Amino acid sequence: DGISRLVRRSWAMAKKLRWLHGHLAIWVCYRNFIRARINAKPLETPAMKLGLEKRQWCVRELLEWRVFPAVVAQR
């Protein structure tokens, strides 16, 4: 559902775990703060439903945040 890096038949396949983590983080934020929960209420996001946010974000607002990578333990 929207995560192209998990599809092996595309050029966007995740070759490194850190890039997959970054893609998943963006997808989770997009899904919860930008994308509508259901078609019947197109301006209500899951974050709004939970009371975490009062309005729907735009893509620009999401991409303005700078996220520092988490330290991944070496195996």
PDB file of N, CA and C in Angstrom:
ATOM      1  N   ASP A   1       0.840  -1.190   0.000  1.00  0.00           N
ATOM      2  CA  ASP A   1       0.000   0.000   0.000  1.00  0.00           C
ATOM      3  C   ASP A   1       0.881   1.249   0.000  1.00  0.00           C
ATOM      4  N   GLY A   2       1.415   1.605  -1.146  1.00  0.00           N
ATOM      5  CA  GLY A   2       2.147   2.840  -1.270  1.00  0.00           C
ATOM      6  C   GLY A   2       3.632   2.783  -0.953  1.00  0.00           C
ATOM      7  N   ILE A   3       4.175   1.618  -0.657  1.00  0.00           N
ATOM      8  CA  ILE A   3       5.603   1.532  -0.327  1.00  0.00           C
ATOM      9  C   ILE A   3       6.310   0.791  -1.458  1.00  0.00           C
ATOM     10  N   SER A   4       6.751   1.543  -2.446  1.00  0.00           N
ATOM     11  CA  SER A   4       7.324   0.948  -3.657  1.00  0.00           C
ATOM     12  C   SER A   4       8.628   0.204  -3.394  1.00  0.00           C
ATOM     13  N   ARG A   5       9.344   0.556  -2.346  1.00  0.00           N
ATOM     14  CA  ARG A   5      10.620  -0.114  -2.070  1.00  0.00           C
ATOM     15  C   ARG A   5      10.439  -1.574  -1.664  1.00  0.00           C
ATOM     16  N   LEU A   6       9.230  -1.970  -1.316  1.00  0.00           N
ATOM     17  CA  LEU A   6       8.994  -3.362  -0.955  1.00  0.00           C
ATOM     18  C   LEU A   6       8.609  -4.212  -2.164  1.00  0.00           C
ATOM     19  N   VAL A   7       8.438  -3.577  -3.323  1.00  0.00           N
ATOM     20  CA  VAL A   7       8.079  -4.296  -4.542  1.00  0.00           C
ATOM     21  C   VAL A   7       9.363  -4.603  -5.296  1.00  0.00           C
ATOM     22  N   ARG A   8       9.675  -5.842  -5.444  1.00  0.00           N
ATOM     23  CA  ARG A   8      10.949  -6.240  -6.044  1.00  0.00           C
ATOM     24  C   ARG A   8      11.015  -5.946  -7.537  1.00  0.00           C
ATOM     25  N   ARG A   9       9.899  -5.809  -8.206  1.00  0.00           N
ATOM     26  CA  ARG A   9       9.896  -5.628  -9.656  1.00  0.00           C
ATOM     27  C   ARG A   9      10.082  -4.173 -10.086  1.00  0.00           C
ATOM     28  N   SER A  10      10.352  -3.276  -9.165  1.00  0.00           N
ATOM     29  CA  SER A  10      10.530  -1.870  -9.548  1.00  0.00           C
ATOM     30  C   SER A  10      11.982  -1.441  -9.328  1.00  0.00           C
ATOM     31  N   TRP A  11      12.377  -0.319  -9.942  1.00  0.00           N
ATOM     32  CA  TRP A  11      13.711   0.241  -9.756  1.00  0.00           C
ATOM     33  C   TRP A  11      13.868   0.829  -8.359  1.00  0.00           C
ATOM     34  N   ALA A  12      12.772   1.034  -7.662  1.00  0.00           N
ATOM     35  CA  ALA A  12      12.809   1.672  -6.349  1.00  0.00           C
ATOM     36  C   ALA A  12      13.042   0.685  -5.212  1.00  0.00           C
ATOM     37  N   MET A  13      13.341  -0.563  -5.532  1.00  0.00           N
ATOM     38  CA  MET A  13      13.545  -1.574  -4.494  1.00  0.00           C
ATOM     39  C   MET A  13      14.622  -1.134  -3.502  1.00  0.00           C
ATOM     40  N   ALA A  14      14.377  -1.344  -2.236  1.00  0.00           N
ATOM     41  CA  ALA A  14      15.343  -0.958  -1.195  1.00  0.00           C
ATOM     42  C   ALA A  14      16.526  -1.916  -1.219  1.00  0.00           C
ATOM     43  N   LYS A  15      17.699  -1.379  -1.476  1.00  0.00           N
ATOM     44  CA  LYS A  15      18.899  -2.204  -1.477  1.00  0.00           C
ATOM     45  C   LYS A  15      19.619  -2.114  -0.149  1.00  0.00           C
ATOM     46  N   LYS A  16      19.329  -1.065   0.600  1.00  0.00           N
ATOM     47  CA  LYS A  16      19.951  -0.892   1.910  1.00  0.00           C
ATOM     48  C   LYS A  16      18.865  -0.657   2.945  1.00  0.00           C
ATOM     49  N   LEU A  17      19.050  -1.237   4.102  1.00  0.00           N
ATOM     50  CA  LEU A  17      18.059  -1.162   5.166  1.00  0.00           C
ATOM     51  C   LEU A  17      17.793   0.272   5.602  1.00  0.00           C
ATOM     52  N   ARG A  18      18.823   1.118   5.639  1.00  0.00           N
ATOM     53  CA  ARG A  18      18.623   2.494   6.095  1.00  0.00           C
ATOM     54  C   ARG A  18      17.716   3.279   5.152  1.00  0.00           C
ATOM     55  N   TRP A  19      17.780   2.996   3.845  1.00  0.00           N
ATOM     56  CA  TRP A  19      16.906   3.693   2.904  1.00  0.00           C
ATOM     57  C   TRP A  19      15.463   3.211   3.063  1.00  0.00           C
ATOM     58  N   LEU A  20      15.290   1.933   3.368  1.00  0.00           N
ATOM     59  CA  LEU A  20      13.944   1.413   3.614  1.00  0.00           C
ATOM     60  C   LEU A  20      13.360   2.060   4.866  1.00  0.00           C
ATOM     61  N   HIS A  21      14.156   2.207   5.916  1.00  0.00           N
ATOM     62  CA  HIS A  21      13.683   2.855   7.144  1.00  0.00           C
ATOM     63  C   HIS A  21      13.238   4.288   6.871  1.00  0.00           C
ATOM     64  N   GLY A  22      14.014   5.020   6.076  1.00  0.00           N
ATOM     65  CA  GLY A  22      13.650   6.392   5.732  1.00  0.00           C
ATOM     66  C   GLY A  22      12.360   6.460   4.953  1.00  0.00           C
ATOM     67  N   HIS A  23      12.202   5.569   3.983  1.00  0.00           N
ATOM     68  CA  HIS A  23      10.982   5.530   3.182  1.00  0.00           C
ATOM     69  C   HIS A  23       9.777   5.197   4.063  1.00  0.00           C
ATOM     70  N   LEU A  24       9.933   4.250   4.962  1.00  0.00           N
ATOM     71  CA  LEU A  24       8.834   3.886   5.859  1.00  0.00           C
ATOM     72  C   LEU A  24       8.453   5.040   6.783  1.00  0.00           C
ATOM     73  N   ALA A  25       9.426   5.792   7.253  1.00  0.00           N
ATOM     74  CA  ALA A  25       9.137   6.931   8.128  1.00  0.00           C
ATOM     75  C   ALA A  25       8.331   7.990   7.386  1.00  0.00           C
ATOM     76  N   ILE A  26       8.714   8.277   6.148  1.00  0.00           N
ATOM     77  CA  ILE A  26       7.961   9.250   5.347  1.00  0.00           C
ATOM     78  C   ILE A  26       6.553   8.739   5.087  1.00  0.00           C
ATOM     79  N   TRP A  27       6.417   7.449   4.758  1.00  0.00           N
ATOM     80  CA  TRP A  27       5.101   6.887   4.473  1.00  0.00           C
ATOM     81  C   TRP A  27       4.189   6.957   5.708  1.00  0.00           C
ATOM     82  N   VAL A  28       4.704   6.639   6.878  1.00  0.00           N
ATOM     83  CA  VAL A  28       3.906   6.678   8.104  1.00  0.00           C
ATOM     84  C   VAL A  28       3.420   8.105   8.378  1.00  0.00           C
ATOM     85  N   CYS A  29       4.293   9.074   8.225  1.00  0.00           N
ATOM     86  CA  CYS A  29       3.896  10.472   8.438  1.00  0.00           C
ATOM     87  C   CYS A  29       2.868  10.906   7.413  1.00  0.00           C
ATOM     88  N   TYR A  30       3.090  10.546   6.154  1.00  0.00           N
ATOM     89  CA  TYR A  30       2.131  10.889   5.094  1.00  0.00           C
ATOM     90  C   TYR A  30       0.764  10.276   5.394  1.00  0.00           C
ATOM     91  N   ARG A  31       0.774   9.002   5.756  1.00  0.00           N
ATOM     92  CA  ARG A  31      -0.484   8.275   5.998  1.00  0.00           C
ATOM     93  C   ARG A  31      -1.253   8.860   7.182  1.00  0.00           C
ATOM     94  N   ASN A  32      -0.557   9.330   8.205  1.00  0.00           N
ATOM     95  CA  ASN A  32      -1.229   9.806   9.410  1.00  0.00           C
ATOM     96  C   ASN A  32      -1.546  11.296   9.424  1.00  0.00           C
ATOM     97  N   PHE A  33      -0.797  12.106   8.694  1.00  0.00           N
ATOM     98  CA  PHE A  33      -1.000  13.550   8.772  1.00  0.00           C
ATOM     99  C   PHE A  33      -1.524  14.191   7.489  1.00  0.00           C
ATOM    100  N   ILE A  34      -1.402  13.515   6.330  1.00  0.00           N
ATOM    101  CA  ILE A  34      -1.820  14.116   5.063  1.00  0.00           C
ATOM    102  C   ILE A  34      -2.983  13.367   4.420  1.00  0.00           C
ATOM    103  N   ARG A  35      -2.864  12.075   4.302  1.00  0.00           N
ATOM    104  CA  ARG A  35      -3.867  11.274   3.592  1.00  0.00           C
ATOM    105  C   ARG A  35      -5.135  11.133   4.420  1.00  0.00           C
ATOM    106  N   ALA A  36      -6.265  11.312   3.753  1.00  0.00           N
ATOM    107  CA  ALA A  36      -7.553  11.207   4.444  1.00  0.00           C
ATOM    108  C   ALA A  36      -7.801   9.776   4.904  1.00  0.00           C
ATOM    109  N   ARG A  37      -8.511   9.654   5.986  1.00  0.00           N
ATOM    110  CA  ARG A  37      -8.798   8.345   6.576  1.00  0.00           C
ATOM    111  C   ARG A  37      -9.776   7.547   5.729  1.00  0.00           C
ATOM    112  N   ILE A  38     -10.864   8.178   5.326  1.00  0.00           N
ATOM    113  CA  ILE A  38     -11.880   7.531   4.496  1.00  0.00           C
ATOM    114  C   ILE A  38     -12.387   8.539   3.472  1.00  0.00           C
ATOM    115  N   ASN A  39     -12.986   8.062   2.411  1.00  0.00           N
ATOM    116  CA  ASN A  39     -13.496   8.951   1.374  1.00  0.00           C
ATOM    117  C   ASN A  39     -14.688   9.774   1.830  1.00  0.00           C
ATOM    118  N   ALA A  40     -15.447   9.283   2.795  1.00  0.00           N
ATOM    119  CA  ALA A  40     -16.624  10.020   3.265  1.00  0.00           C
ATOM    120  C   ALA A  40     -16.235  11.323   3.973  1.00  0.00           C
ATOM    121  N   LYS A  41     -15.052  11.353   4.570  1.00  0.00           N
ATOM    122  CA  LYS A  41     -14.549  12.555   5.249  1.00  0.00           C
ATOM    123  C   LYS A  41     -13.160  12.865   4.687  1.00  0.00           C
ATOM    124  N   PRO A  42     -13.082  13.487   3.501  1.00  0.00           N
ATOM    125  CA  PRO A  42     -11.790  13.675   2.831  1.00  0.00           C
ATOM    126  C   PRO A  42     -10.827  14.627   3.532  1.00  0.00           C
ATOM    127  N   LEU A  43     -11.292  15.388   4.507  1.00  0.00           N
ATOM    128  CA  LEU A  43     -10.399  16.321   5.197  1.00  0.00           C
ATOM    129  C   LEU A  43     -10.044  15.860   6.604  1.00  0.00           C
ATOM    130  N   GLU A  44     -10.328  14.602   6.925  1.00  0.00           N
ATOM    131  CA  GLU A  44     -10.011  14.077   8.259  1.00  0.00           C
ATOM    132  C   GLU A  44      -8.921  13.014   8.153  1.00  0.00           C
ATOM    133  N   THR A  45      -7.806  13.246   8.817  1.00  0.00           N
ATOM    134  CA  THR A  45      -6.695  12.293   8.814  1.00  0.00           C
ATOM    135  C   THR A  45      -6.724  11.474  10.111  1.00  0.00           C
ATOM    136  N   PRO A  46      -5.994  10.365  10.168  1.00  0.00           N
ATOM    137  CA  PRO A  46      -5.937   9.594  11.409  1.00  0.00           C
ATOM    138  C   PRO A  46      -5.430  10.417  12.603  1.00  0.00           C
ATOM    139  N   ALA A  47      -4.468  11.314  12.378  1.00  0.00           N
ATOM    140  CA  ALA A  47      -3.955  12.157  13.469  1.00  0.00           C
ATOM    141  C   ALA A  47      -5.043  13.096  13.986  1.00  0.00           C
ATOM    142  N   MET A  48      -5.888  13.582  13.099  1.00  0.00           N
ATOM    143  CA  MET A  48      -6.994  14.444  13.512  1.00  0.00           C
ATOM    144  C   MET A  48      -8.027  13.634  14.297  1.00  0.00           C
ATOM    145  N   LYS A  49      -8.288  12.419  13.845  1.00  0.00           N
ATOM    146  CA  LYS A  49      -9.258  11.548  14.519  1.00  0.00           C
ATOM    147  C   LYS A  49      -8.813  11.234  15.950  1.00  0.00           C
ATOM    148  N   LEU A  50      -7.502  11.091  16.154  1.00  0.00           N
ATOM    149  CA  LEU A  50      -6.966  10.800  17.491  1.00  0.00           C
ATOM    150  C   LEU A  50      -6.784  12.049  18.345  1.00  0.00           C
ATOM    151  N   GLY A  51      -6.962  13.222  17.747  1.00  0.00           N
ATOM    152  CA  GLY A  51      -6.808  14.461  18.488  1.00  0.00           C
ATOM    153  C   GLY A  51      -5.371  14.952  18.577  1.00  0.00           C
ATOM    154  N   LEU A  52      -4.474  14.397  17.756  1.00  0.00           N
ATOM    155  CA  LEU A  52      -3.074  14.816  17.765  1.00  0.00           C
ATOM    156  C   LEU A  52      -2.848  16.083  16.958  1.00  0.00           C
ATOM    157  N   GLU A  53      -3.712  16.351  16.002  1.00  0.00           N
ATOM    158  CA  GLU A  53      -3.577  17.502  15.116  1.00  0.00           C
ATOM    159  C   GLU A  53      -4.964  18.058  14.827  1.00  0.00           C
ATOM    160  N   LYS A  54      -5.032  19.374  14.653  1.00  0.00           N
ATOM    161  CA  LYS A  54      -6.332  20.012  14.421  1.00  0.00           C
ATOM    162  C   LYS A  54      -6.644  20.205  12.949  1.00  0.00           C
ATOM    163  N   ARG A  55      -5.617  20.105  12.093  1.00  0.00           N
ATOM    164  CA  ARG A  55      -5.857  20.308  10.668  1.00  0.00           C
ATOM    165  C   ARG A  55      -4.998  19.357   9.847  1.00  0.00           C
ATOM    166  N   GLN A  56      -5.379  19.221   8.590  1.00  0.00           N
ATOM    167  CA  GLN A  56      -4.655  18.350   7.672  1.00  0.00           C
ATOM    168  C   GLN A  56      -3.395  19.065   7.177  1.00  0.00           C
ATOM    169  N   TRP A  57      -2.264  18.371   7.165  1.00  0.00           N
ATOM    170  CA  TRP A  57      -1.018  18.951   6.695  1.00  0.00           C
ATOM    171  C   TRP A  57      -0.972  18.903   5.167  1.00  0.00           C
ATOM    172  N   CYS A  58      -0.129  19.751   4.573  1.00  0.00           N
ATOM    173  CA  CYS A  58       0.160  19.636   3.147  1.00  0.00           C
ATOM    174  C   CYS A  58       1.522  18.944   3.009  1.00  0.00           C
ATOM    175  N   VAL A  59       1.840  18.492   1.823  1.00  0.00           N
ATOM    176  CA  VAL A  59       3.095  17.766   1.599  1.00  0.00           C
ATOM    177  C   VAL A  59       4.297  18.647   1.937  1.00  0.00           C
ATOM    178  N   ARG A  60       4.228  19.910   1.601  1.00  0.00           N
ATOM    179  CA  ARG A  60       5.340  20.828   1.883  1.00  0.00           C
ATOM    180  C   ARG A  60       5.635  20.899   3.383  1.00  0.00           C
ATOM    181  N   GLU A  61       4.596  20.957   4.206  1.00  0.00           N
ATOM    182  CA  GLU A  61       4.793  21.010   5.660  1.00  0.00           C
ATOM    183  C   GLU A  61       5.491  19.755   6.166  1.00  0.00           C
ATOM    184  N   LEU A  62       5.133  18.612   5.620  1.00  0.00           N
ATOM    185  CA  LEU A  62       5.755  17.357   6.040  1.00  0.00           C
ATOM    186  C   LEU A  62       7.232  17.326   5.646  1.00  0.00           C
ATOM    187  N   LEU A  63       7.538  17.749   4.441  1.00  0.00           N
ATOM    188  CA  LEU A  63       8.908  17.665   3.948  1.00  0.00           C
ATOM    189  C   LEU A  63       9.817  18.767   4.492  1.00  0.00           C
ATOM    190  N   GLU A  64       9.264  19.772   5.163  1.00  0.00           N
ATOM    191  CA  GLU A  64      10.083  20.807   5.788  1.00  0.00           C
ATOM    192  C   GLU A  64      10.797  20.312   7.036  1.00  0.00           C
ATOM    193  N   TRP A  65      10.294  19.263   7.659  1.00  0.00           N
ATOM    194  CA  TRP A  65      10.904  18.730   8.877  1.00  0.00           C
ATOM    195  C   TRP A  65      12.210  18.041   8.539  1.00  0.00           C
ATOM    196  N   ARG A  66      13.219  18.308   9.339  1.00  0.00           N
ATOM    197  CA  ARG A  66      14.491  17.601   9.180  1.00  0.00           C
ATOM    198  C   ARG A  66      14.541  16.500  10.228  1.00  0.00           C
ATOM    199  N   VAL A  67      14.689  15.293   9.767  1.00  0.00           N
ATOM    200  CA  VAL A  67      14.706  14.137  10.664  1.00  0.00           C
ATOM    201  C   VAL A  67      16.124  13.578  10.682  1.00  0.00           C
ATOM    202  N   PHE A  68      16.682  13.460  11.856  1.00  0.00           N
ATOM    203  CA  PHE A  68      18.019  12.900  11.982  1.00  0.00           C
ATOM    204  C   PHE A  68      17.915  11.384  12.040  1.00  0.00           C
ATOM    205  N   PRO A  69      18.787  10.677  11.338  1.00  0.00           N
ATOM    206  CA  PRO A  69      18.700   9.218  11.305  1.00  0.00           C
ATOM    207  C   PRO A  69      18.960   8.604  12.679  1.00  0.00           C
ATOM    208  N   ALA A  70      18.238   7.551  12.954  1.00  0.00           N
ATOM    209  CA  ALA A  70      18.432   6.824  14.210  1.00  0.00           C
ATOM    210  C   ALA A  70      19.694   5.967  14.085  1.00  0.00           C
ATOM    211  N   VAL A  71      20.329   5.731  15.181  1.00  0.00           N
ATOM    212  CA  VAL A  71      21.510   4.880  15.188  1.00  0.00           C
ATOM    213  C   VAL A  71      21.037   3.436  15.167  1.00  0.00           C
ATOM    214  N   VAL A  72      21.463   2.717  14.143  1.00  0.00           N
ATOM    215  CA  VAL A  72      21.078   1.326  13.982  1.00  0.00           C
ATOM    216  C   VAL A  72      22.232   0.468  14.509  1.00  0.00           C
ATOM    217  N   ALA A  73      21.916  -0.473  15.351  1.00  0.00           N
ATOM    218  CA  ALA A  73      22.938  -1.356  15.921  1.00  0.00           C
ATOM    219  C   ALA A  73      23.578  -2.203  14.832  1.00  0.00           C
ATOM    220  N   GLN A  74      24.887  -2.324  14.868  1.00  0.00           N
ATOM    221  CA  GLN A  74      25.612  -3.154  13.905  1.00  0.00           C
ATOM    222  C   GLN A  74      25.472  -4.617  14.293  1.00  0.00           C
ATOM    223  N   ARG A  75      25.288  -5.446  13.315  1.00  0.00           N
ATOM    224  CA  ARG A  75      25.188  -6.893  13.580  1.00  0.00           C
ATOM    225  C   ARG A  75      26.496  -7.552  13.297  1.00  0.00           C
TER     226      ARG A  75
END
